[in-house]
Amino acid sequence: MDILYAVFAAPFVDMWGYPVFFAEVVITGVLTGIMYSLVALGFVLIFKASGVFNFAQGAMVLFAALTLVGLMEHGVPVWLALALTMVVMVALAFAVERLMLRPLVNQPHIILFMATIGLTFFLEGFGELLWGSNVKKLDVGIPNESFEVGGVLLNQFDLFAAVMAALLVGVLAVFFHQTTIGRALRAVADDHQAAMSVGIPLKTIWVVVWSVAGIVAMVAGIVWGARSGVQFSLSLIALKALPVLILGGFTSVPGAIIGGLIIGVGEKIAEIYWGPLVGGAIENWFAYMLALVFLLFRPQGLFGERIIERV
C-alpha cells in the first residue's frame, strides 16, 4: 500500500498542496514545449509538401545558428546578419531542390529519406568547415531577465520564444489553408506526377517549402542557440521533436504546437513528481514512452490525417 500511495497518490497531493510551485512547473513545461515545437514545425512543412520525413531539419537548425553567429563574430550587425542568414537558408533551398530533389522525382519515399540523412552529414561537416566546431555564444538582444507574477517566476526569454512560435503558427496556418501555394503544396504531397500533370511546378513548390522550412529552422536556431549556446549538439534536438510529431501528427501545423506542449509539460511534471521514485532522469525518456503509447492507439496523432490504402 505504501508503494501504491507513493506512486499514484503522493504526487497529486504535492501538486495540490503547493499550487504555486505546480504552476511554475507547468509554465516551465509549456515554454519548453514551445521550443520543441519550433523544431517540429520544420518537419511538418517538408512532410506536407513531399510526404517525406526530413531527417536534416536538426542540421538545418544548427547550420542557420552557425551562420548567424559566425557572421556576427566577423563584425556584421545583428539585423544584417539575420537578413544574410535568411538569404543563405533560401539559397540552401535552391541547392537542395536542384541537386537532391529534382533527380529523385517519383522515387520511393525511403530514397528521399536516405537523401535527407546524407544532407544532415553534409550540413554538419560544411558548417564545421566554415565556422569551426567550438561552442559559440549567441546574443541577438533577446532579454533574459526573470520576474515574478502572483508568486510564479517567469522568464522574458521563454515568453519571447512563446510569442515567436505563436506568430509562426498563425502565419503558416494561413499560408497552408488560405493561399494557392499552400493548396499546391498539399497536392504535391499527395502525388508528384499528378500535381505536375495539372500544371503545378514541382521544382518551384519544393523551393518555396524548403525556403520556409529554412526560415523556421533559423528561428529555432536563434532561440535554442541563444538559450544553450551554438554547438553541434543542436542538431540532436531533432530527436526530441520526433515524439512531438507523433503526438500532434506529421501533417498538422497546430498539431506540432499541441504536441510540443504535451511533451514539455508532461516531461517536467514526470521529472519533478515521479522522478525521485525511480532515481530521476525521467525527463530524458518520458517523451518517447508517451509517443510509443500514441503509436499503439492513435498512430496518426491527435491532428494527423488517417490514411487508408486499399489493396
C-alpha atoms as a PDB file:
ATOM      1  CA  MET A   1       0.000   0.000   0.000  1.00  0.00           C
ATOM      2  CA  ASP A   2       2.844   2.370   0.767  1.00  0.00           C
ATOM      3  CA  ILE A   3       4.265   1.829  -2.719  1.00  0.00           C
ATOM      4  CA  LEU A   4       0.890   2.448  -4.387  1.00  0.00           C
ATOM      5  CA  TYR A   5       0.434   5.620  -2.357  1.00  0.00           C
ATOM      6  CA  ALA A   6       3.913   6.870  -3.281  1.00  0.00           C
ATOM      7  CA  VAL A   7       3.371   6.226  -6.992  1.00  0.00           C
ATOM      8  CA  PHE A   8      -0.240   7.284  -7.523  1.00  0.00           C
ATOM      9  CA  ALA A   9      -1.407   9.448  -4.639  1.00  0.00           C
ATOM     10  CA  ALA A  10       1.605  11.314  -3.247  1.00  0.00           C
ATOM     11  CA  PRO A  11       2.417  13.239  -6.471  1.00  0.00           C
ATOM     12  CA  PHE A  12      -1.141  14.572  -6.697  1.00  0.00           C
ATOM     13  CA  VAL A  13      -1.084  15.552  -3.028  1.00  0.00           C
ATOM     14  CA  ASP A  14       2.115  17.501  -3.714  1.00  0.00           C
ATOM     15  CA  MET A  15       0.588  19.166  -6.790  1.00  0.00           C
ATOM     16  CA  TRP A  16      -2.472  20.484  -4.993  1.00  0.00           C
ATOM     17  CA  GLY A  17      -0.649  21.117  -1.731  1.00  0.00           C
ATOM     18  CA  TYR A  18       1.792  23.542  -3.384  1.00  0.00           C
ATOM     19  CA  PRO A  19      -0.197  25.198  -6.201  1.00  0.00           C
ATOM     20  CA  VAL A  20       2.304  27.995  -6.876  1.00  0.00           C
ATOM     21  CA  PHE A  21       5.171  25.560  -7.371  1.00  0.00           C
ATOM     22  CA  PHE A  22       2.946  23.347  -9.526  1.00  0.00           C
ATOM     23  CA  ALA A  23       2.065  26.396 -11.654  1.00  0.00           C
ATOM     24  CA  GLU A  24       5.780  27.115 -12.127  1.00  0.00           C
ATOM     25  CA  VAL A  25       6.411  23.528 -13.244  1.00  0.00           C
ATOM     26  CA  VAL A  26       3.532  23.686 -15.741  1.00  0.00           C
ATOM     27  CA  ILE A  27       4.575  27.066 -17.150  1.00  0.00           C
ATOM     28  CA  THR A  28       8.186  25.903 -17.490  1.00  0.00           C
ATOM     29  CA  GLY A  29       6.922  22.834 -19.339  1.00  0.00           C
ATOM     30  CA  VAL A  30       4.740  24.940 -21.629  1.00  0.00           C
ATOM     31  CA  LEU A  31       7.615  27.220 -22.585  1.00  0.00           C
ATOM     32  CA  THR A  32       9.990  24.270 -23.121  1.00  0.00           C
ATOM     33  CA  GLY A  33       7.357  22.541 -25.237  1.00  0.00           C
ATOM     34  CA  ILE A  34       7.027  25.625 -27.418  1.00  0.00           C
ATOM     35  CA  MET A  35      10.752  25.455 -28.149  1.00  0.00           C
ATOM     36  CA  TYR A  36      10.376  21.805 -29.167  1.00  0.00           C
ATOM     37  CA  SER A  37       7.512  22.868 -31.416  1.00  0.00           C
ATOM     38  CA  LEU A  38       9.698  25.357 -33.279  1.00  0.00           C
ATOM     39  CA  VAL A  39      11.835  22.458 -34.487  1.00  0.00           C
ATOM     40  CA  ALA A  40       8.831  20.225 -35.181  1.00  0.00           C
ATOM     41  CA  LEU A  41       7.296  22.887 -37.442  1.00  0.00           C
ATOM     42  CA  GLY A  42      10.121  22.447 -39.948  1.00  0.00           C
ATOM     43  CA  PHE A  43       9.460  18.715 -40.133  1.00  0.00           C
ATOM     44  CA  VAL A  44       5.749  19.319 -40.722  1.00  0.00           C
ATOM     45  CA  LEU A  45       6.421  21.746 -43.587  1.00  0.00           C
ATOM     46  CA  ILE A  46       8.633  19.325 -45.515  1.00  0.00           C
ATOM     47  CA  PHE A  47       6.354  16.356 -44.849  1.00  0.00           C
ATOM     48  CA  LYS A  48       3.261  18.231 -46.042  1.00  0.00           C
ATOM     49  CA  ALA A  49       4.989  19.170 -49.295  1.00  0.00           C
ATOM     50  CA  SER A  50       6.750  15.903 -50.122  1.00  0.00           C
ATOM     51  CA  GLY A  51       5.402  13.192 -47.843  1.00  0.00           C
ATOM     52  CA  VAL A  52       8.979  12.581 -46.685  1.00  0.00           C
ATOM     53  CA  PHE A  53      10.406  12.878 -43.178  1.00  0.00           C
ATOM     54  CA  ASN A  54      13.267  15.392 -43.383  1.00  0.00           C
ATOM     55  CA  PHE A  55      15.956  13.952 -41.133  1.00  0.00           C
ATOM     56  CA  ALA A  56      18.114  17.007 -41.909  1.00  0.00           C
ATOM     57  CA  GLN A  57      15.862  19.506 -40.096  1.00  0.00           C
ATOM     58  CA  GLY A  58      18.000  19.409 -36.958  1.00  0.00           C
ATOM     59  CA  ALA A  59      21.111  20.016 -39.056  1.00  0.00           C
ATOM     60  CA  MET A  60      19.351  22.953 -40.733  1.00  0.00           C
ATOM     61  CA  VAL A  61      18.689  24.462 -37.289  1.00  0.00           C
ATOM     62  CA  LEU A  62      22.380  24.042 -36.460  1.00  0.00           C
ATOM     63  CA  PHE A  63      23.555  25.429 -39.815  1.00  0.00           C
ATOM     64  CA  ALA A  64      21.333  28.520 -39.516  1.00  0.00           C
ATOM     65  CA  ALA A  65      22.568  29.216 -35.986  1.00  0.00           C
ATOM     66  CA  LEU A  66      26.211  28.693 -37.002  1.00  0.00           C
ATOM     67  CA  THR A  67      25.823  31.035 -39.961  1.00  0.00           C
ATOM     68  CA  LEU A  68      24.215  33.752 -37.848  1.00  0.00           C
ATOM     69  CA  VAL A  69      26.745  33.644 -35.030  1.00  0.00           C
ATOM     70  CA  GLY A  70      29.628  33.309 -37.498  1.00  0.00           C
ATOM     71  CA  LEU A  71      28.590  36.472 -39.328  1.00  0.00           C
ATOM     72  CA  MET A  72      28.184  38.340 -36.042  1.00  0.00           C
ATOM     73  CA  GLU A  73      31.669  37.258 -34.928  1.00  0.00           C
ATOM     74  CA  HIS A  74      33.045  38.874 -38.096  1.00  0.00           C
ATOM     75  CA  GLY A  75      31.555  42.239 -37.131  1.00  0.00           C
ATOM     76  CA  VAL A  76      28.301  42.098 -39.100  1.00  0.00           C
ATOM     77  CA  PRO A  77      25.450  43.942 -37.282  1.00  0.00           C
ATOM     78  CA  VAL A  78      22.677  41.768 -35.883  1.00  0.00           C
ATOM     79  CA  TRP A  79      19.987  42.991 -38.279  1.00  0.00           C
ATOM     80  CA  LEU A  80      22.212  42.450 -41.320  1.00  0.00           C
ATOM     81  CA  ALA A  81      23.374  39.045 -40.043  1.00  0.00           C
ATOM     82  CA  LEU A  82      19.735  37.977 -39.704  1.00  0.00           C
ATOM     83  CA  ALA A  83      18.967  39.106 -43.253  1.00  0.00           C
ATOM     84  CA  LEU A  84      22.058  37.386 -44.671  1.00  0.00           C
ATOM     85  CA  THR A  85      21.269  34.167 -42.776  1.00  0.00           C
ATOM     86  CA  MET A  86      17.794  34.197 -44.276  1.00  0.00           C
ATOM     87  CA  VAL A  87      19.331  34.597 -47.737  1.00  0.00           C
ATOM     88  CA  VAL A  88      21.673  31.674 -47.023  1.00  0.00           C
ATOM     89  CA  MET A  89      18.764  29.422 -45.991  1.00  0.00           C
ATOM     90  CA  VAL A  90      16.830  30.323 -49.155  1.00  0.00           C
ATOM     91  CA  ALA A  91      19.947  29.629 -51.244  1.00  0.00           C
ATOM     92  CA  LEU A  92      20.224  26.278 -49.467  1.00  0.00           C
ATOM     93  CA  ALA A  93      16.638  25.535 -50.500  1.00  0.00           C
ATOM     94  CA  PHE A  94      17.503  26.208 -54.158  1.00  0.00           C
ATOM     95  CA  ALA A  95      20.572  23.972 -53.902  1.00  0.00           C
ATOM     96  CA  VAL A  96      18.618  21.137 -52.263  1.00  0.00           C
ATOM     97  CA  GLU A  97      15.928  21.275 -54.962  1.00  0.00           C
ATOM     98  CA  ARG A  98      18.395  21.380 -57.844  1.00  0.00           C
ATOM     99  CA  LEU A  99      20.972  18.874 -56.627  1.00  0.00           C
ATOM    100  CA  MET A 100      18.969  16.465 -54.441  1.00  0.00           C
ATOM    101  CA  LEU A 101      15.223  16.601 -55.027  1.00  0.00           C
ATOM    102  CA  ARG A 102      14.969  17.118 -58.792  1.00  0.00           C
ATOM    103  CA  PRO A 103      16.937  13.958 -59.672  1.00  0.00           C
ATOM    104  CA  LEU A 104      14.759  11.950 -57.252  1.00  0.00           C
ATOM    105  CA  VAL A 105      11.293  12.920 -58.504  1.00  0.00           C
ATOM    106  CA  ASN A 106       8.858   9.959 -58.261  1.00  0.00           C
ATOM    107  CA  GLN A 107      11.376   7.857 -56.363  1.00  0.00           C
ATOM    108  CA  PRO A 108      10.138   5.890 -53.323  1.00  0.00           C
ATOM    109  CA  HIS A 109       9.923   7.911 -50.115  1.00  0.00           C
ATOM    110  CA  ILE A 110      12.630   5.809 -48.493  1.00  0.00           C
ATOM    111  CA  ILE A 111      15.074   7.066 -51.149  1.00  0.00           C
ATOM    112  CA  LEU A 112      14.265  10.681 -50.334  1.00  0.00           C
ATOM    113  CA  PHE A 113      14.525   9.931 -46.624  1.00  0.00           C
ATOM    114  CA  MET A 114      18.016   8.473 -47.110  1.00  0.00           C
ATOM    115  CA  ALA A 115      18.941  11.558 -49.125  1.00  0.00           C
ATOM    116  CA  THR A 116      17.998  13.785 -46.170  1.00  0.00           C
ATOM    117  CA  ILE A 117      20.278  11.703 -43.933  1.00  0.00           C
ATOM    118  CA  GLY A 118      23.130  12.434 -46.346  1.00  0.00           C
ATOM    119  CA  LEU A 119      22.172  16.115 -46.285  1.00  0.00           C
ATOM    120  CA  THR A 120      22.436  16.042 -42.478  1.00  0.00           C
ATOM    121  CA  PHE A 121      26.068  14.941 -42.521  1.00  0.00           C
ATOM    122  CA  PHE A 122      26.895  17.394 -45.302  1.00  0.00           C
ATOM    123  CA  LEU A 123      25.447  20.387 -43.429  1.00  0.00           C
ATOM    124  CA  GLU A 124      27.202  19.421 -40.190  1.00  0.00           C
ATOM    125  CA  GLY A 125      30.549  18.996 -41.938  1.00  0.00           C
ATOM    126  CA  PHE A 126      30.178  22.103 -44.094  1.00  0.00           C
ATOM    127  CA  GLY A 127      29.133  24.183 -41.072  1.00  0.00           C
ATOM    128  CA  GLU A 128      32.181  22.998 -39.126  1.00  0.00           C
ATOM    129  CA  LEU A 129      34.424  23.753 -42.105  1.00  0.00           C
ATOM    130  CA  LEU A 130      33.107  27.319 -42.398  1.00  0.00           C
ATOM    131  CA  TRP A 131      32.671  28.346 -38.767  1.00  0.00           C
ATOM    132  CA  GLY A 132      34.643  25.865 -36.646  1.00  0.00           C
ATOM    133  CA  SER A 133      33.471  23.415 -34.001  1.00  0.00           C
ATOM    134  CA  ASN A 134      33.807  25.466 -30.802  1.00  0.00           C
ATOM    135  CA  VAL A 135      30.754  26.316 -28.708  1.00  0.00           C
ATOM    136  CA  LYS A 136      29.678  29.854 -29.582  1.00  0.00           C
ATOM    137  CA  LYS A 137      27.628  32.329 -27.575  1.00  0.00           C
ATOM    138  CA  LEU A 138      24.711  33.833 -29.473  1.00  0.00           C
ATOM    139  CA  ASP A 139      23.340  37.180 -28.300  1.00  0.00           C
ATOM    140  CA  VAL A 140      20.762  38.837 -30.534  1.00  0.00           C
ATOM    141  CA  GLY A 141      19.391  41.148 -27.867  1.00  0.00           C
ATOM    142  CA  ILE A 142      16.627  38.915 -26.503  1.00  0.00           C
ATOM    143  CA  PRO A 143      16.074  39.863 -22.822  1.00  0.00           C
ATOM    144  CA  ASN A 144      16.773  37.069 -20.349  1.00  0.00           C
ATOM    145  CA  GLU A 145      15.594  38.566 -17.069  1.00  0.00           C
ATOM    146  CA  SER A 146      13.249  36.783 -14.675  1.00  0.00           C
ATOM    147  CA  PHE A 147      10.281  38.391 -12.961  1.00  0.00           C
ATOM    148  CA  GLU A 148       7.522  37.294 -10.621  1.00  0.00           C
ATOM    149  CA  VAL A 149       3.771  37.324 -11.275  1.00  0.00           C
ATOM    150  CA  GLY A 150       1.487  36.165  -8.493  1.00  0.00           C
ATOM    151  CA  GLY A 151       4.318  34.269  -6.849  1.00  0.00           C
ATOM    152  CA  VAL A 152       5.163  32.458 -10.116  1.00  0.00           C
ATOM    153  CA  LEU A 153       8.641  33.069 -11.570  1.00  0.00           C
ATOM    154  CA  LEU A 154       8.664  33.804 -15.318  1.00  0.00           C
ATOM    155  CA  ASN A 155      11.497  34.431 -17.776  1.00  0.00           C
ATOM    156  CA  GLN A 156      11.426  37.063 -20.521  1.00  0.00           C
ATOM    157  CA  PHE A 157      13.396  34.868 -22.920  1.00  0.00           C
ATOM    158  CA  ASP A 158      10.909  31.996 -22.646  1.00  0.00           C
ATOM    159  CA  LEU A 159       7.993  34.372 -23.189  1.00  0.00           C
ATOM    160  CA  PHE A 160       9.707  35.769 -26.286  1.00  0.00           C
ATOM    161  CA  ALA A 161      10.062  32.226 -27.672  1.00  0.00           C
ATOM    162  CA  ALA A 162       6.367  31.607 -26.989  1.00  0.00           C
ATOM    163  CA  VAL A 163       5.347  34.742 -28.886  1.00  0.00           C
ATOM    164  CA  MET A 164       7.596  33.825 -31.840  1.00  0.00           C
ATOM    165  CA  ALA A 165       6.098  30.334 -32.007  1.00  0.00           C
ATOM    166  CA  ALA A 166       2.552  31.709 -31.878  1.00  0.00           C
ATOM    167  CA  LEU A 167       3.279  34.118 -34.729  1.00  0.00           C
ATOM    168  CA  LEU A 168       4.859  31.365 -36.825  1.00  0.00           C
ATOM    169  CA  VAL A 169       1.908  29.031 -36.327  1.00  0.00           C
ATOM    170  CA  GLY A 170      -0.549  31.737 -37.290  1.00  0.00           C
ATOM    171  CA  VAL A 171       1.349  32.674 -40.441  1.00  0.00           C
ATOM    172  CA  LEU A 172       1.899  29.061 -41.509  1.00  0.00           C
ATOM    173  CA  ALA A 173      -1.735  28.098 -40.878  1.00  0.00           C
ATOM    174  CA  VAL A 174      -2.897  30.929 -43.141  1.00  0.00           C
ATOM    175  CA  PHE A 175      -0.199  30.056 -45.687  1.00  0.00           C
ATOM    176  CA  PHE A 176      -1.264  26.415 -45.996  1.00  0.00           C
ATOM    177  CA  HIS A 177      -5.029  26.826 -45.908  1.00  0.00           C
ATOM    178  CA  GLN A 178      -5.739  30.229 -47.447  1.00  0.00           C
ATOM    179  CA  THR A 179      -3.220  30.571 -50.295  1.00  0.00           C
ATOM    180  CA  THR A 180      -2.897  28.994 -53.707  1.00  0.00           C
ATOM    181  CA  ILE A 181       0.672  27.901 -52.984  1.00  0.00           C
ATOM    182  CA  GLY A 182      -0.459  26.230 -49.775  1.00  0.00           C
ATOM    183  CA  ARG A 183      -3.066  24.163 -51.615  1.00  0.00           C
ATOM    184  CA  ALA A 184      -0.488  23.296 -54.265  1.00  0.00           C
ATOM    185  CA  LEU A 185       1.850  22.060 -51.525  1.00  0.00           C
ATOM    186  CA  ARG A 186      -0.777  19.596 -50.320  1.00  0.00           C
ATOM    187  CA  ALA A 187      -1.386  18.413 -53.887  1.00  0.00           C
ATOM    188  CA  VAL A 188       2.325  17.765 -54.408  1.00  0.00           C
ATOM    189  CA  ALA A 189       2.482  15.763 -51.198  1.00  0.00           C
ATOM    190  CA  ASP A 190      -0.362  13.510 -52.368  1.00  0.00           C
ATOM    191  CA  ASP A 191       1.083  12.681 -55.788  1.00  0.00           C
ATOM    192  CA  HIS A 192       4.089  14.287 -57.520  1.00  0.00           C
ATOM    193  CA  GLN A 193       3.186  13.105 -61.003  1.00  0.00           C
ATOM    194  CA  ALA A 194      -0.489  14.040 -60.752  1.00  0.00           C
ATOM    195  CA  ALA A 195       0.427  17.506 -59.471  1.00  0.00           C
ATOM    196  CA  MET A 196       2.766  18.041 -62.412  1.00  0.00           C
ATOM    197  CA  SER A 197       0.100  16.849 -64.868  1.00  0.00           C
ATOM    198  CA  VAL A 198      -2.276  19.646 -63.807  1.00  0.00           C
ATOM    199  CA  GLY A 199       0.383  22.322 -64.186  1.00  0.00           C
ATOM    200  CA  ILE A 200       1.775  22.626 -60.662  1.00  0.00           C
ATOM    201  CA  PRO A 201       5.510  23.448 -60.979  1.00  0.00           C
ATOM    202  CA  LEU A 202       7.102  20.865 -58.728  1.00  0.00           C
ATOM    203  CA  LYS A 203      10.530  22.493 -58.510  1.00  0.00           C
ATOM    204  CA  THR A 204       9.031  25.866 -57.561  1.00  0.00           C
ATOM    205  CA  ILE A 205       6.872  24.304 -54.847  1.00  0.00           C
ATOM    206  CA  TRP A 206       9.823  22.456 -53.360  1.00  0.00           C
ATOM    207  CA  VAL A 207      11.982  25.595 -53.348  1.00  0.00           C
ATOM    208  CA  VAL A 208       9.228  27.519 -51.585  1.00  0.00           C
ATOM    209  CA  VAL A 209       8.622  24.910 -48.894  1.00  0.00           C
ATOM    210  CA  TRP A 210      12.325  24.276 -48.214  1.00  0.00           C
ATOM    211  CA  SER A 211      12.860  28.054 -48.024  1.00  0.00           C
ATOM    212  CA  VAL A 212      10.075  28.394 -45.464  1.00  0.00           C
ATOM    213  CA  ALA A 213      11.422  25.384 -43.542  1.00  0.00           C
ATOM    214  CA  GLY A 214      14.862  27.005 -43.610  1.00  0.00           C
ATOM    215  CA  ILE A 215      13.493  30.248 -42.167  1.00  0.00           C
ATOM    216  CA  VAL A 216      11.673  28.272 -39.455  1.00  0.00           C
ATOM    217  CA  ALA A 217      14.969  26.475 -38.760  1.00  0.00           C
ATOM    218  CA  MET A 218      16.667  29.859 -38.444  1.00  0.00           C
ATOM    219  CA  VAL A 219      14.136  30.994 -35.841  1.00  0.00           C
ATOM    220  CA  ALA A 220      14.556  27.731 -33.931  1.00  0.00           C
ATOM    221  CA  GLY A 221      18.339  28.063 -34.181  1.00  0.00           C
ATOM    222  CA  ILE A 222      18.209  31.597 -32.772  1.00  0.00           C
ATOM    223  CA  VAL A 223      16.062  30.541 -29.827  1.00  0.00           C
ATOM    224  CA  TRP A 224      17.962  27.355 -28.987  1.00  0.00           C
ATOM    225  CA  GLY A 225      21.364  28.898 -29.708  1.00  0.00           C
ATOM    226  CA  ALA A 226      20.695  31.944 -27.535  1.00  0.00           C
ATOM    227  CA  ARG A 227      19.495  29.685 -24.734  1.00  0.00           C
ATOM    228  CA  SER A 228      22.182  26.996 -24.648  1.00  0.00           C
ATOM    229  CA  GLY A 229      24.931  28.222 -26.977  1.00  0.00           C
ATOM    230  CA  VAL A 230      25.530  27.316 -30.595  1.00  0.00           C
ATOM    231  CA  GLN A 231      27.080  23.862 -30.561  1.00  0.00           C
ATOM    232  CA  PHE A 232      26.850  20.717 -32.650  1.00  0.00           C
ATOM    233  CA  SER A 233      24.533  19.034 -30.161  1.00  0.00           C
ATOM    234  CA  LEU A 234      21.858  21.412 -31.501  1.00  0.00           C
ATOM    235  CA  SER A 235      21.311  19.002 -34.386  1.00  0.00           C
ATOM    236  CA  LEU A 236      20.216  16.354 -31.863  1.00  0.00           C
ATOM    237  CA  ILE A 237      17.120  18.325 -30.879  1.00  0.00           C
ATOM    238  CA  ALA A 238      15.576  16.797 -33.990  1.00  0.00           C
ATOM    239  CA  LEU A 239      15.339  13.575 -31.982  1.00  0.00           C
ATOM    240  CA  LYS A 240      13.304  15.377 -29.296  1.00  0.00           C
ATOM    241  CA  ALA A 241      10.961  16.670 -31.981  1.00  0.00           C
ATOM    242  CA  LEU A 242      10.024  13.117 -33.012  1.00  0.00           C
ATOM    243  CA  PRO A 243       7.643  12.497 -30.076  1.00  0.00           C
ATOM    244  CA  VAL A 244       6.127  15.927 -30.713  1.00  0.00           C
ATOM    245  CA  LEU A 245       5.336  14.944 -34.305  1.00  0.00           C
ATOM    246  CA  ILE A 246       3.955  11.564 -33.294  1.00  0.00           C
ATOM    247  CA  LEU A 247       1.572  13.182 -30.805  1.00  0.00           C
ATOM    248  CA  GLY A 248       0.491  16.122 -32.948  1.00  0.00           C
ATOM    249  CA  GLY A 249       0.540  14.465 -36.377  1.00  0.00           C
ATOM    250  CA  PHE A 250       3.080  14.761 -39.165  1.00  0.00           C
ATOM    251  CA  THR A 251       0.768  16.876 -41.344  1.00  0.00           C
ATOM    252  CA  SER A 252      -0.635  19.360 -38.811  1.00  0.00           C
ATOM    253  CA  VAL A 253       0.929  22.746 -38.065  1.00  0.00           C
ATOM    254  CA  PRO A 254      -1.259  23.334 -34.969  1.00  0.00           C
ATOM    255  CA  GLY A 255      -0.580  19.712 -34.006  1.00  0.00           C
ATOM    256  CA  ALA A 256       3.145  20.469 -33.784  1.00  0.00           C
ATOM    257  CA  ILE A 257       2.382  23.105 -31.155  1.00  0.00           C
ATOM    258  CA  ILE A 258      -0.108  20.999 -29.200  1.00  0.00           C
ATOM    259  CA  GLY A 259       2.254  18.019 -29.283  1.00  0.00           C
ATOM    260  CA  GLY A 260       5.108  20.189 -28.054  1.00  0.00           C
ATOM    261  CA  LEU A 261       3.020  21.495 -25.162  1.00  0.00           C
ATOM    262  CA  ILE A 262       2.006  17.970 -24.117  1.00  0.00           C
ATOM    263  CA  ILE A 263       5.596  16.735 -24.247  1.00  0.00           C
ATOM    264  CA  GLY A 264       7.019  19.799 -22.483  1.00  0.00           C
ATOM    265  CA  VAL A 265       4.503  19.817 -19.620  1.00  0.00           C
ATOM    266  CA  GLY A 266       4.439  16.027 -19.321  1.00  0.00           C
ATOM    267  CA  GLU A 267       8.175  15.580 -19.004  1.00  0.00           C
ATOM    268  CA  LYS A 268       8.535  18.392 -16.436  1.00  0.00           C
ATOM    269  CA  ILE A 269       5.733  17.023 -14.253  1.00  0.00           C
ATOM    270  CA  ALA A 270       7.094  13.481 -14.568  1.00  0.00           C
ATOM    271  CA  GLU A 271      10.617  14.589 -13.646  1.00  0.00           C
ATOM    272  CA  ILE A 272       9.565  16.649 -10.628  1.00  0.00           C
ATOM    273  CA  TYR A 273       6.857  14.436  -9.132  1.00  0.00           C
ATOM    274  CA  TRP A 274       7.699  10.898 -10.280  1.00  0.00           C
ATOM    275  CA  GLY A 275      11.425  11.232 -10.898  1.00  0.00           C
ATOM    276  CA  PRO A 276      12.510  10.798  -7.267  1.00  0.00           C
ATOM    277  CA  LEU A 277      10.741   7.423  -7.132  1.00  0.00           C
ATOM    278  CA  VAL A 278      12.992   5.959  -9.860  1.00  0.00           C
ATOM    279  CA  GLY A 279      16.175   7.905  -9.244  1.00  0.00           C
ATOM    280  CA  GLY A 280      15.437  10.769 -11.657  1.00  0.00           C
ATOM    281  CA  ALA A 281      16.194  11.221 -15.370  1.00  0.00           C
ATOM    282  CA  ILE A 282      12.559  10.560 -16.389  1.00  0.00           C
ATOM    283  CA  GLU A 283      12.742  13.711 -18.494  1.00  0.00           C
ATOM    284  CA  ASN A 284      15.161  12.007 -20.897  1.00  0.00           C
ATOM    285  CA  TRP A 285      12.818   9.176 -21.912  1.00  0.00           C
ATOM    286  CA  PHE A 286       9.292  10.198 -20.885  1.00  0.00           C
ATOM    287  CA  ALA A 287       8.512  11.752 -24.288  1.00  0.00           C
ATOM    288  CA  TYR A 288       9.436   8.575 -26.149  1.00  0.00           C
ATOM    289  CA  MET A 289       7.326   6.376 -23.884  1.00  0.00           C
ATOM    290  CA  LEU A 290       4.348   8.683 -24.390  1.00  0.00           C
ATOM    291  CA  ALA A 291       4.931   8.587 -28.152  1.00  0.00           C
ATOM    292  CA  LEU A 292       5.006   4.781 -28.039  1.00  0.00           C
ATOM    293  CA  VAL A 293       1.575   4.748 -26.391  1.00  0.00           C
ATOM    294  CA  PHE A 294       0.220   7.011 -29.127  1.00  0.00           C
ATOM    295  CA  LEU A 295       1.678   4.773 -31.834  1.00  0.00           C
ATOM    296  CA  LEU A 296      -0.197   1.831 -30.349  1.00  0.00           C
ATOM    297  CA  PHE A 297      -3.592   3.532 -30.080  1.00  0.00           C
ATOM    298  CA  ARG A 298      -3.564   6.533 -32.441  1.00  0.00           C
ATOM    299  CA  PRO A 299      -0.648   6.250 -34.891  1.00  0.00           C
ATOM    300  CA  GLN A 300      -1.765   9.260 -36.971  1.00  0.00           C
ATOM    301  CA  GLY A 301      -1.513  11.572 -33.938  1.00  0.00           C
ATOM    302  CA  LEU A 302      -4.095  13.923 -32.470  1.00  0.00           C
ATOM    303  CA  PHE A 303      -4.484  16.078 -35.582  1.00  0.00           C
ATOM    304  CA  GLY A 304      -2.935  13.882 -38.271  1.00  0.00           C
ATOM    305  CA  GLU A 305      -4.855  12.604 -41.275  1.00  0.00           C
ATOM    306  CA  ARG A 306      -5.903   8.970 -41.207  1.00  0.00           C
ATOM    307  CA  ILE A 307      -4.543   7.314 -44.347  1.00  0.00           C
ATOM    308  CA  ILE A 308      -6.485   4.365 -45.726  1.00  0.00           C
ATOM    309  CA  GLU A 309      -4.903   2.337 -48.506  1.00  0.00           C
ATOM    310  CA  ARG A 310      -6.920  -0.237 -50.403  1.00  0.00           C
ATOM    311  CA  VAL A 311      -5.085  -3.379 -51.517  1.00  0.00           C
END
